[in-house]
Amino acid sequence: MAELVGPRIYSCCNCQNQVALHDDVISKAFRWRQGRAFLFSHAMNVEVGPKEDRQLMTGLHTVADIYCQDCHEVLGWKYERAYEESQKYKEGKFILEKSKIMKENW
């Protein structure tokens, strides 16, 4: 498991497993089923579930839920494919729900 030392890290709220760097935040303007979510360029210490097509607010996407590698809590999803040209920038990126992650070393 990757362990980072330094400021501005996001961790799983359930088990404190480090899952993302603040420097990898692309946008904080996303929504998830239960509230706000952040778009990240990278995530770590997560497992990617099976791909499925979902109709989201911005159109049809192929996504895969992402789980904490330690406690298996669903943290968000990974964009695998965007069908609309304007949404292609999301491909390969990660959504993490704000209520499922916490700031560490801030």
PDB file of N, CA and C in Angstrom:
ATOM      1  N   MET A   1       0.842  -1.170   0.000  1.00  0.00           N
ATOM      2  CA  MET A   1       0.000   0.000   0.000  1.00  0.00           C
ATOM      3  C   MET A   1       0.891   1.238   0.000  1.00  0.00           C
ATOM      4  N   ALA A   2       0.567   2.191  -0.850  1.00  0.00           N
ATOM      5  CA  ALA A   2       1.326   3.436  -0.896  1.00  0.00           C
ATOM      6  C   ALA A   2       0.985   4.275   0.319  1.00  0.00           C
ATOM      7  N   GLU A   3       1.992   4.807   0.978  1.00  0.00           N
ATOM      8  CA  GLU A   3       1.803   5.667   2.141  1.00  0.00           C
ATOM      9  C   GLU A   3       2.521   6.971   1.858  1.00  0.00           C
ATOM     10  N   LEU A   4       1.797   8.061   1.867  1.00  0.00           N
ATOM     11  CA  LEU A   4       2.383   9.350   1.558  1.00  0.00           C
ATOM     12  C   LEU A   4       2.661  10.132   2.831  1.00  0.00           C
ATOM     13  N   VAL A   5       3.776  10.845   2.837  1.00  0.00           N
ATOM     14  CA  VAL A   5       4.121  11.705   3.958  1.00  0.00           C
ATOM     15  C   VAL A   5       4.106  13.133   3.442  1.00  0.00           C
ATOM     16  N   GLY A   6       3.379  13.986   4.106  1.00  0.00           N
ATOM     17  CA  GLY A   6       3.305  15.364   3.666  1.00  0.00           C
ATOM     18  C   GLY A   6       1.892  15.885   3.742  1.00  0.00           C
ATOM     19  N   PRO A   7       1.722  17.143   3.412  1.00  0.00           N
ATOM     20  CA  PRO A   7       0.409  17.776   3.560  1.00  0.00           C
ATOM     21  C   PRO A   7      -0.540  17.463   2.412  1.00  0.00           C
ATOM     22  N   ARG A   8      -1.805  17.807   2.653  1.00  0.00           N
ATOM     23  CA  ARG A   8      -2.843  17.849   1.637  1.00  0.00           C
ATOM     24  C   ARG A   8      -3.128  16.496   0.997  1.00  0.00           C
ATOM     25  N   ILE A   9      -3.526  15.583   1.835  1.00  0.00           N
ATOM     26  CA  ILE A   9      -3.882  14.230   1.414  1.00  0.00           C
ATOM     27  C   ILE A   9      -5.344  13.997   1.784  1.00  0.00           C
ATOM     28  N   TYR A  10      -6.056  13.259   0.940  1.00  0.00           N
ATOM     29  CA  TYR A  10      -7.410  12.826   1.264  1.00  0.00           C
ATOM     30  C   TYR A  10      -7.368  11.346   1.622  1.00  0.00           C
ATOM     31  N   SER A  11      -8.094  10.988   2.682  1.00  0.00           N
ATOM     32  CA  SER A  11      -8.137   9.610   3.166  1.00  0.00           C
ATOM     33  C   SER A  11      -9.577   9.137   3.264  1.00  0.00           C
ATOM     34  N   CYS A  12      -9.761   7.824   3.250  1.00  0.00           N
ATOM     35  CA  CYS A  12     -11.066   7.212   3.460  1.00  0.00           C
ATOM     36  C   CYS A  12     -11.563   7.583   4.855  1.00  0.00           C
ATOM     37  N   CYS A  13     -12.787   8.060   4.955  1.00  0.00           N
ATOM     38  CA  CYS A  13     -13.356   8.431   6.267  1.00  0.00           C
ATOM     39  C   CYS A  13     -13.544   7.223   7.174  1.00  0.00           C
ATOM     40  N   ASN A  14     -13.708   6.065   6.574  1.00  0.00           N
ATOM     41  CA  ASN A  14     -13.995   4.860   7.345  1.00  0.00           C
ATOM     42  C   ASN A  14     -12.750   4.279   8.007  1.00  0.00           C
ATOM     43  N   CYS A  15     -11.618   4.260   7.288  1.00  0.00           N
ATOM     44  CA  CYS A  15     -10.431   3.571   7.814  1.00  0.00           C
ATOM     45  C   CYS A  15      -9.141   4.388   7.716  1.00  0.00           C
ATOM     46  N   GLN A  16      -9.201   5.609   7.217  1.00  0.00           N
ATOM     47  CA  GLN A  16      -8.064   6.511   7.083  1.00  0.00           C
ATOM     48  C   GLN A  16      -7.014   6.048   6.061  1.00  0.00           C
ATOM     49  N   ASN A  17      -7.363   5.145   5.178  1.00  0.00           N
ATOM     50  CA  ASN A  17      -6.491   4.746   4.080  1.00  0.00           C
ATOM     51  C   ASN A  17      -6.332   5.950   3.150  1.00  0.00           C
ATOM     52  N   GLN A  18      -5.108   6.299   2.792  1.00  0.00           N
ATOM     53  CA  GLN A  18      -4.858   7.446   1.917  1.00  0.00           C
ATOM     54  C   GLN A  18      -5.267   7.105   0.488  1.00  0.00           C
ATOM     55  N   VAL A  19      -6.141   7.963  -0.094  1.00  0.00           N
ATOM     56  CA  VAL A  19      -6.707   7.629  -1.401  1.00  0.00           C
ATOM     57  C   VAL A  19      -6.446   8.669  -2.489  1.00  0.00           C
ATOM     58  N   ALA A  20      -6.045   9.883  -2.135  1.00  0.00           N
ATOM     59  CA  ALA A  20      -5.823  10.902  -3.173  1.00  0.00           C
ATOM     60  C   ALA A  20      -5.018  12.066  -2.623  1.00  0.00           C
ATOM     61  N   LEU A  21      -4.383  12.780  -3.541  1.00  0.00           N
ATOM     62  CA  LEU A  21      -3.650  14.003  -3.221  1.00  0.00           C
ATOM     63  C   LEU A  21      -4.492  15.223  -3.592  1.00  0.00           C
ATOM     64  N   HIS A  22      -4.425  16.245  -2.773  1.00  0.00           N
ATOM     65  CA  HIS A  22      -5.132  17.480  -3.101  1.00  0.00           C
ATOM     66  C   HIS A  22      -4.642  18.059  -4.430  1.00  0.00           C
ATOM     67  N   ASP A  23      -3.377  17.905  -4.729  1.00  0.00           N
ATOM     68  CA  ASP A  23      -2.815  18.423  -5.985  1.00  0.00           C
ATOM     69  C   ASP A  23      -3.448  17.772  -7.215  1.00  0.00           C
ATOM     70  N   ASP A  24      -4.114  16.636  -7.048  1.00  0.00           N
ATOM     71  CA  ASP A  24      -4.755  15.933  -8.164  1.00  0.00           C
ATOM     72  C   ASP A  24      -6.229  16.310  -8.344  1.00  0.00           C
ATOM     73  N   VAL A  25      -6.733  17.253  -7.536  1.00  0.00           N
ATOM     74  CA  VAL A  25      -8.117  17.717  -7.696  1.00  0.00           C
ATOM     75  C   VAL A  25      -8.213  18.533  -8.986  1.00  0.00           C
ATOM     76  N   ILE A  26      -9.143  18.146  -9.832  1.00  0.00           N
ATOM     77  CA  ILE A  26      -9.420  18.883 -11.064  1.00  0.00           C
ATOM     78  C   ILE A  26     -10.579  19.843 -10.846  1.00  0.00           C
ATOM     79  N   SER A  27     -11.611  19.368 -10.123  1.00  0.00           N
ATOM     80  CA  SER A  27     -12.799  20.186  -9.888  1.00  0.00           C
ATOM     81  C   SER A  27     -13.493  19.745  -8.605  1.00  0.00           C
ATOM     82  N   LYS A  28     -14.075  20.727  -7.903  1.00  0.00           N
ATOM     83  CA  LYS A  28     -14.889  20.453  -6.712  1.00  0.00           C
ATOM     84  C   LYS A  28     -16.367  20.719  -6.998  1.00  0.00           C
ATOM     85  N   ALA A  29     -16.719  20.852  -8.257  1.00  0.00           N
ATOM     86  CA  ALA A  29     -18.071  21.249  -8.651  1.00  0.00           C
ATOM     87  C   ALA A  29     -18.938  20.080  -9.106  1.00  0.00           C
ATOM     88  N   PHE A  30     -18.638  18.873  -8.668  1.00  0.00           N
ATOM     89  CA  PHE A  30     -19.402  17.698  -9.093  1.00  0.00           C
ATOM     90  C   PHE A  30     -20.404  17.295  -8.022  1.00  0.00           C
ATOM     91  N   ARG A  31     -21.424  16.522  -8.437  1.00  0.00           N
ATOM     92  CA  ARG A  31     -22.443  16.012  -7.523  1.00  0.00           C
ATOM     93  C   ARG A  31     -22.436  14.500  -7.569  1.00  0.00           C
ATOM     94  N   TRP A  32     -22.758  13.908  -6.458  1.00  0.00           N
ATOM     95  CA  TRP A  32     -22.874  12.468  -6.291  1.00  0.00           C
ATOM     96  C   TRP A  32     -24.261  12.207  -5.757  1.00  0.00           C
ATOM     97  N   ARG A  33     -24.609  10.985  -5.608  1.00  0.00           N
ATOM     98  CA  ARG A  33     -25.964  10.641  -5.144  1.00  0.00           C
ATOM     99  C   ARG A  33     -26.323  11.350  -3.842  1.00  0.00           C
ATOM    100  N   GLN A  34     -25.366  11.456  -2.927  1.00  0.00           N
ATOM    101  CA  GLN A  34     -25.654  12.034  -1.616  1.00  0.00           C
ATOM    102  C   GLN A  34     -25.009  13.398  -1.393  1.00  0.00           C
ATOM    103  N   GLY A  35     -24.578  14.093  -2.425  1.00  0.00           N
ATOM    104  CA  GLY A  35     -24.024  15.426  -2.204  1.00  0.00           C
ATOM    105  C   GLY A  35     -22.844  15.745  -3.106  1.00  0.00           C
ATOM    106  N   ARG A  36     -21.978  16.604  -2.595  1.00  0.00           N
ATOM    107  CA  ARG A  36     -20.840  17.090  -3.380  1.00  0.00           C
ATOM    108  C   ARG A  36     -19.801  15.998  -3.595  1.00  0.00           C
ATOM    109  N   ALA A  37     -19.073  16.172  -4.697  1.00  0.00           N
ATOM    110  CA  ALA A  37     -18.012  15.230  -5.038  1.00  0.00           C
ATOM    111  C   ALA A  37     -16.909  15.982  -5.759  1.00  0.00           C
ATOM    112  N   PHE A  38     -15.711  15.422  -5.731  1.00  0.00           N
ATOM    113  CA  PHE A  38     -14.551  16.031  -6.371  1.00  0.00           C
ATOM    114  C   PHE A  38     -14.082  15.157  -7.522  1.00  0.00           C
ATOM    115  N   LEU A  39     -13.632  15.786  -8.596  1.00  0.00           N
ATOM    116  CA  LEU A  39     -13.035  15.084  -9.724  1.00  0.00           C
ATOM    117  C   LEU A  39     -11.520  15.119  -9.551  1.00  0.00           C
ATOM    118  N   PHE A  40     -10.901  13.936  -9.557  1.00  0.00           N
ATOM    119  CA  PHE A  40      -9.449  13.793  -9.383  1.00  0.00           C
ATOM    120  C   PHE A  40      -8.830  13.208 -10.651  1.00  0.00           C
ATOM    121  N   SER A  41      -7.615  13.612 -10.933  1.00  0.00           N
ATOM    122  CA  SER A  41      -6.891  13.025 -12.058  1.00  0.00           C
ATOM    123  C   SER A  41      -6.366  11.639 -11.705  1.00  0.00           C
ATOM    124  N   HIS A  42      -6.096  11.391 -10.434  1.00  0.00           N
ATOM    125  CA  HIS A  42      -5.557  10.104  -9.973  1.00  0.00           C
ATOM    126  C   HIS A  42      -6.184   9.734  -8.637  1.00  0.00           C
ATOM    127  N   ALA A  43      -6.215   8.455  -8.343  1.00  0.00           N
ATOM    128  CA  ALA A  43      -6.583   7.938  -7.023  1.00  0.00           C
ATOM    129  C   ALA A  43      -5.624   6.790  -6.719  1.00  0.00           C
ATOM    130  N   MET A  44      -5.450   6.491  -5.442  1.00  0.00           N
ATOM    131  CA  MET A  44      -4.533   5.411  -5.055  1.00  0.00           C
ATOM    132  C   MET A  44      -5.183   4.594  -3.946  1.00  0.00           C
ATOM    133  N   ASN A  45      -4.683   3.399  -3.777  1.00  0.00           N
ATOM    134  CA  ASN A  45      -5.175   2.506  -2.724  1.00  0.00           C
ATOM    135  C   ASN A  45      -6.680   2.257  -2.852  1.00  0.00           C
ATOM    136  N   VAL A  46      -7.144   2.182  -4.109  1.00  0.00           N
ATOM    137  CA  VAL A  46      -8.548   1.874  -4.381  1.00  0.00           C
ATOM    138  C   VAL A  46      -8.621   0.686  -5.326  1.00  0.00           C
ATOM    139  N   GLU A  47      -9.740  -0.005  -5.274  1.00  0.00           N
ATOM    140  CA  GLU A  47     -10.028  -1.089  -6.206  1.00  0.00           C
ATOM    141  C   GLU A  47     -11.125  -0.619  -7.151  1.00  0.00           C
ATOM    142  N   VAL A  48     -11.011  -0.980  -8.406  1.00  0.00           N
ATOM    143  CA  VAL A  48     -11.978  -0.581  -9.421  1.00  0.00           C
ATOM    144  C   VAL A  48     -12.904  -1.762  -9.699  1.00  0.00           C
ATOM    145  N   GLY A  49     -14.190  -1.515  -9.587  1.00  0.00           N
ATOM    146  CA  GLY A  49     -15.190  -2.560  -9.815  1.00  0.00           C
ATOM    147  C   GLY A  49     -15.482  -2.747 -11.294  1.00  0.00           C
ATOM    148  N   PRO A  50     -16.503  -3.540 -11.604  1.00  0.00           N
ATOM    149  CA  PRO A  50     -16.871  -3.792 -13.008  1.00  0.00           C
ATOM    150  C   PRO A  50     -17.429  -2.536 -13.678  1.00  0.00           C
ATOM    151  N   LYS A  51     -17.206  -2.452 -14.968  1.00  0.00           N
ATOM    152  CA  LYS A  51     -17.707  -1.325 -15.760  1.00  0.00           C
ATOM    153  C   LYS A  51     -19.201  -1.489 -16.018  1.00  0.00           C
ATOM    154  N   GLU A  52     -19.900  -0.351 -16.054  1.00  0.00           N
ATOM    155  CA  GLU A  52     -21.318  -0.353 -16.420  1.00  0.00           C
ATOM    156  C   GLU A  52     -21.672   1.005 -17.008  1.00  0.00           C
ATOM    157  N   ASP A  53     -22.656   1.000 -17.887  1.00  0.00           N
ATOM    158  CA  ASP A  53     -23.155   2.254 -18.445  1.00  0.00           C
ATOM    159  C   ASP A  53     -24.135   2.872 -17.458  1.00  0.00           C
ATOM    160  N   ARG A  54     -23.974   4.196 -17.231  1.00  0.00           N
ATOM    161  CA  ARG A  54     -24.881   4.938 -16.352  1.00  0.00           C
ATOM    162  C   ARG A  54     -25.267   6.238 -17.020  1.00  0.00           C
ATOM    163  N   GLN A  55     -26.544   6.557 -16.900  1.00  0.00           N
ATOM    164  CA  GLN A  55     -27.028   7.857 -17.354  1.00  0.00           C
ATOM    165  C   GLN A  55     -26.819   8.830 -16.200  1.00  0.00           C
ATOM    166  N   LEU A  56     -25.875   9.743 -16.348  1.00  0.00           N
ATOM    167  CA  LEU A  56     -25.565  10.736 -15.333  1.00  0.00           C
ATOM    168  C   LEU A  56     -26.126  12.085 -15.762  1.00  0.00           C
ATOM    169  N   MET A  57     -25.973  13.079 -14.925  1.00  0.00           N
ATOM    170  CA  MET A  57     -26.513  14.407 -15.228  1.00  0.00           C
ATOM    171  C   MET A  57     -25.938  14.973 -16.527  1.00  0.00           C
ATOM    172  N   THR A  58     -24.730  14.575 -16.879  1.00  0.00           N
ATOM    173  CA  THR A  58     -24.070  15.105 -18.073  1.00  0.00           C
ATOM    174  C   THR A  58     -24.126  14.143 -19.256  1.00  0.00           C
ATOM    175  N   GLY A  59     -24.949  13.114 -19.170  1.00  0.00           N
ATOM    176  CA  GLY A  59     -25.102  12.197 -20.285  1.00  0.00           C
ATOM    177  C   GLY A  59     -24.708  10.774 -19.937  1.00  0.00           C
ATOM    178  N   LEU A  60     -24.661   9.936 -20.952  1.00  0.00           N
ATOM    179  CA  LEU A  60     -24.328   8.531 -20.774  1.00  0.00           C
ATOM    180  C   LEU A  60     -22.816   8.367 -20.659  1.00  0.00           C
ATOM    181  N   HIS A  61     -22.391   7.609 -19.642  1.00  0.00           N
ATOM    182  CA  HIS A  61     -20.977   7.319 -19.415  1.00  0.00           C
ATOM    183  C   HIS A  61     -20.821   5.848 -19.055  1.00  0.00           C
ATOM    184  N   THR A  62     -19.662   5.283 -19.372  1.00  0.00           N
ATOM    185  CA  THR A  62     -19.274   3.984 -18.830  1.00  0.00           C
ATOM    186  C   THR A  62     -18.414   4.286 -17.616  1.00  0.00           C
ATOM    187  N   VAL A  63     -18.837   3.780 -16.456  1.00  0.00           N
ATOM    188  CA  VAL A  63     -18.140   4.044 -15.198  1.00  0.00           C
ATOM    189  C   VAL A  63     -17.911   2.735 -14.449  1.00  0.00           C
ATOM    190  N   ALA A  64     -17.025   2.792 -13.471  1.00  0.00           N
ATOM    191  CA  ALA A  64     -16.781   1.654 -12.578  1.00  0.00           C
ATOM    192  C   ALA A  64     -16.676   2.210 -11.162  1.00  0.00           C
ATOM    193  N   ASP A  65     -17.452   1.660 -10.238  1.00  0.00           N
ATOM    194  CA  ASP A  65     -17.349   2.094  -8.847  1.00  0.00           C
ATOM    195  C   ASP A  65     -15.936   1.845  -8.339  1.00  0.00           C
ATOM    196  N   ILE A  66     -15.481   2.732  -7.448  1.00  0.00           N
ATOM    197  CA  ILE A  66     -14.172   2.529  -6.813  1.00  0.00           C
ATOM    198  C   ILE A  66     -14.389   2.331  -5.318  1.00  0.00           C
ATOM    199  N   TYR A  67     -13.592   1.418  -4.774  1.00  0.00           N
ATOM    200  CA  TYR A  67     -13.714   0.990  -3.387  1.00  0.00           C
ATOM    201  C   TYR A  67     -12.390   1.223  -2.675  1.00  0.00           C
ATOM    202  N   CYS A  68     -12.453   1.559  -1.389  1.00  0.00           N
ATOM    203  CA  CYS A  68     -11.253   1.634  -0.565  1.00  0.00           C
ATOM    204  C   CYS A  68     -10.603   0.254  -0.552  1.00  0.00           C
ATOM    205  N   GLN A  69      -9.307   0.219  -0.771  1.00  0.00           N
ATOM    206  CA  GLN A  69      -8.581  -1.053  -0.808  1.00  0.00           C
ATOM    207  C   GLN A  69      -8.561  -1.746   0.552  1.00  0.00           C
ATOM    208  N   ASP A  70      -8.665  -0.976   1.640  1.00  0.00           N
ATOM    209  CA  ASP A  70      -8.617  -1.567   2.979  1.00  0.00           C
ATOM    210  C   ASP A  70      -9.979  -2.018   3.497  1.00  0.00           C
ATOM    211  N   CYS A  71     -10.970  -1.112   3.489  1.00  0.00           N
ATOM    212  CA  CYS A  71     -12.262  -1.428   4.127  1.00  0.00           C
ATOM    213  C   CYS A  71     -13.362  -1.718   3.107  1.00  0.00           C
ATOM    214  N   HIS A  72     -13.102  -1.533   1.833  1.00  0.00           N
ATOM    215  CA  HIS A  72     -14.035  -1.832   0.735  1.00  0.00           C
ATOM    216  C   HIS A  72     -15.267  -0.925   0.690  1.00  0.00           C
ATOM    217  N   GLU A  73     -15.176   0.227   1.340  1.00  0.00           N
ATOM    218  CA  GLU A  73     -16.232   1.241   1.256  1.00  0.00           C
ATOM    219  C   GLU A  73     -16.266   1.811  -0.161  1.00  0.00           C
ATOM    220  N   VAL A  74     -17.469   1.987  -0.720  1.00  0.00           N
ATOM    221  CA  VAL A  74     -17.582   2.652  -2.020  1.00  0.00           C
ATOM    222  C   VAL A  74     -17.273   4.130  -1.809  1.00  0.00           C
ATOM    223  N   LEU A  75     -16.281   4.642  -2.545  1.00  0.00           N
ATOM    224  CA  LEU A  75     -15.854   6.028  -2.404  1.00  0.00           C
ATOM    225  C   LEU A  75     -16.324   6.913  -3.554  1.00  0.00           C
ATOM    226  N   GLY A  76     -16.647   6.308  -4.684  1.00  0.00           N
ATOM    227  CA  GLY A  76     -17.036   7.067  -5.861  1.00  0.00           C
ATOM    228  C   GLY A  76     -16.969   6.186  -7.089  1.00  0.00           C
ATOM    229  N   TRP A  77     -16.501   6.736  -8.211  1.00  0.00           N
ATOM    230  CA  TRP A  77     -16.383   5.945  -9.429  1.00  0.00           C
ATOM    231  C   TRP A  77     -15.263   6.472 -10.311  1.00  0.00           C
ATOM    232  N   LYS A  78     -14.898   5.657 -11.275  1.00  0.00           N
ATOM    233  CA  LYS A  78     -13.936   6.029 -12.299  1.00  0.00           C
ATOM    234  C   LYS A  78     -14.677   6.144 -13.626  1.00  0.00           C
ATOM    235  N   TYR A  79     -14.426   7.233 -14.334  1.00  0.00           N
ATOM    236  CA  TYR A  79     -14.981   7.398 -15.676  1.00  0.00           C
ATOM    237  C   TYR A  79     -14.144   6.584 -16.649  1.00  0.00           C
ATOM    238  N   GLU A  80     -14.734   5.604 -17.260  1.00  0.00           N
ATOM    239  CA  GLU A  80     -14.038   4.777 -18.251  1.00  0.00           C
ATOM    240  C   GLU A  80     -14.261   5.301 -19.667  1.00  0.00           C
ATOM    241  N   ARG A  81     -15.502   5.763 -19.945  1.00  0.00           N
ATOM    242  CA  ARG A  81     -15.813   6.256 -21.283  1.00  0.00           C
ATOM    243  C   ARG A  81     -16.920   7.295 -21.202  1.00  0.00           C
ATOM    244  N   ALA A  82     -16.759   8.346 -21.968  1.00  0.00           N
ATOM    245  CA  ALA A  82     -17.803   9.353 -22.126  1.00  0.00           C
ATOM    246  C   ALA A  82     -18.281   9.286 -23.567  1.00  0.00           C
ATOM    247  N   TYR A  83     -19.588   9.274 -23.773  1.00  0.00           N
ATOM    248  CA  TYR A  83     -20.135   9.135 -25.113  1.00  0.00           C
ATOM    249  C   TYR A  83     -20.290  10.480 -25.823  1.00  0.00           C
ATOM    250  N   GLU A  84     -20.372  11.546 -25.058  1.00  0.00           N
ATOM    251  CA  GLU A  84     -20.491  12.874 -25.655  1.00  0.00           C
ATOM    252  C   GLU A  84     -19.115  13.529 -25.723  1.00  0.00           C
ATOM    253  N   GLU A  85     -18.838  14.164 -26.836  1.00  0.00           N
ATOM    254  CA  GLU A  85     -17.514  14.767 -27.073  1.00  0.00           C
ATOM    255  C   GLU A  85     -17.134  15.757 -25.972  1.00  0.00           C
ATOM    256  N   SER A  86     -18.094  16.538 -25.512  1.00  0.00           N
ATOM    257  CA  SER A  86     -17.803  17.556 -24.492  1.00  0.00           C
ATOM    258  C   SER A  86     -17.435  16.964 -23.139  1.00  0.00           C
ATOM    259  N   GLN A  87     -17.669  15.667 -22.954  1.00  0.00           N
ATOM    260  CA  GLN A  87     -17.400  15.012 -21.676  1.00  0.00           C
ATOM    261  C   GLN A  87     -16.155  14.121 -21.713  1.00  0.00           C
ATOM    262  N   LYS A  88     -15.474  14.061 -22.835  1.00  0.00           N
ATOM    263  CA  LYS A  88     -14.313  13.176 -23.008  1.00  0.00           C
ATOM    264  C   LYS A  88     -13.190  13.470 -22.011  1.00  0.00           C
ATOM    265  N   TYR A  89     -13.093  14.711 -21.524  1.00  0.00           N
ATOM    266  CA  TYR A  89     -12.031  15.066 -20.576  1.00  0.00           C
ATOM    267  C   TYR A  89     -12.114  14.270 -19.277  1.00  0.00           C
ATOM    268  N   LYS A  90     -13.263  13.670 -18.987  1.00  0.00           N
ATOM    269  CA  LYS A  90     -13.454  12.899 -17.765  1.00  0.00           C
ATOM    270  C   LYS A  90     -12.889  11.480 -17.847  1.00  0.00           C
ATOM    271  N   GLU A  91     -12.638  10.991 -19.042  1.00  0.00           N
ATOM    272  CA  GLU A  91     -12.194   9.608 -19.206  1.00  0.00           C
ATOM    273  C   GLU A  91     -10.891   9.350 -18.450  1.00  0.00           C
ATOM    274  N   GLY A  92     -10.897   8.265 -17.662  1.00  0.00           N
ATOM    275  CA  GLY A  92      -9.729   7.905 -16.865  1.00  0.00           C
ATOM    276  C   GLY A  92      -9.614   8.656 -15.550  1.00  0.00           C
ATOM    277  N   LYS A  93     -10.578   9.544 -15.272  1.00  0.00           N
ATOM    278  CA  LYS A  93     -10.553  10.346 -14.045  1.00  0.00           C
ATOM    279  C   LYS A  93     -11.441   9.698 -12.978  1.00  0.00           C
ATOM    280  N   PHE A  94     -11.317  10.192 -11.747  1.00  0.00           N
ATOM    281  CA  PHE A  94     -11.987   9.601 -10.592  1.00  0.00           C
ATOM    282  C   PHE A  94     -12.879  10.618  -9.890  1.00  0.00           C
ATOM    283  N   ILE A  95     -14.065  10.183  -9.514  1.00  0.00           N
ATOM    284  CA  ILE A  95     -14.952  10.967  -8.656  1.00  0.00           C
ATOM    285  C   ILE A  95     -14.876  10.371  -7.256  1.00  0.00           C
ATOM    286  N   LEU A  96     -14.592  11.223  -6.272  1.00  0.00           N
ATOM    287  CA  LEU A  96     -14.628  10.819  -4.865  1.00  0.00           C
ATOM    288  C   LEU A  96     -15.669  11.677  -4.161  1.00  0.00           C
ATOM    289  N   GLU A  97     -16.590  11.013  -3.468  1.00  0.00           N
ATOM    290  CA  GLU A  97     -17.648  11.724  -2.748  1.00  0.00           C
ATOM    291  C   GLU A  97     -17.051  12.427  -1.536  1.00  0.00           C
ATOM    292  N   LYS A  98     -17.370  13.702  -1.377  1.00  0.00           N
ATOM    293  CA  LYS A  98     -16.811  14.497  -0.281  1.00  0.00           C
ATOM    294  C   LYS A  98     -17.102  13.873   1.083  1.00  0.00           C
ATOM    295  N   SER A  99     -18.289  13.313   1.271  1.00  0.00           N
ATOM    296  CA  SER A  99     -18.646  12.746   2.576  1.00  0.00           C
ATOM    297  C   SER A  99     -17.926  11.433   2.874  1.00  0.00           C
ATOM    298  N   LYS A 100     -17.267  10.861   1.876  1.00  0.00           N
ATOM    299  CA  LYS A 100     -16.558   9.579   2.067  1.00  0.00           C
ATOM    300  C   LYS A 100     -15.057   9.745   2.270  1.00  0.00           C
ATOM    301  N   ILE A 101     -14.562  10.978   2.117  1.00  0.00           N
ATOM    302  CA  ILE A 101     -13.131  11.232   2.288  1.00  0.00           C
ATOM    303  C   ILE A 101     -12.930  12.345   3.315  1.00  0.00           C
ATOM    304  N   MET A 102     -11.737  12.377   3.887  1.00  0.00           N
ATOM    305  CA  MET A 102     -11.413  13.417   4.852  1.00  0.00           C
ATOM    306  C   MET A 102     -10.018  13.959   4.554  1.00  0.00           C
ATOM    307  N   LYS A 103      -9.805  15.181   4.962  1.00  0.00           N
ATOM    308  CA  LYS A 103      -8.501  15.812   4.794  1.00  0.00           C
ATOM    309  C   LYS A 103      -7.548  15.294   5.856  1.00  0.00           C
ATOM    310  N   GLU A 104      -6.307  15.091   5.443  1.00  0.00           N
ATOM    311  CA  GLU A 104      -5.273  14.635   6.369  1.00  0.00           C
ATOM    312  C   GLU A 104      -4.049  15.527   6.196  1.00  0.00           C
ATOM    313  N   ASN A 105      -3.440  15.928   7.304  1.00  0.00           N
ATOM    314  CA  ASN A 105      -2.233  16.769   7.306  1.00  0.00           C
ATOM    315  C   ASN A 105      -2.475  18.155   6.733  1.00  0.00           C
ATOM    316  N   TRP A 106      -3.653  18.755   6.990  1.00  0.00           N
ATOM    317  CA  TRP A 106      -3.951  20.083   6.490  1.00  0.00           C
ATOM    318  C   TRP A 106      -3.759  21.087   7.589  1.00  0.00           C
TER     319      TRP A 106
END
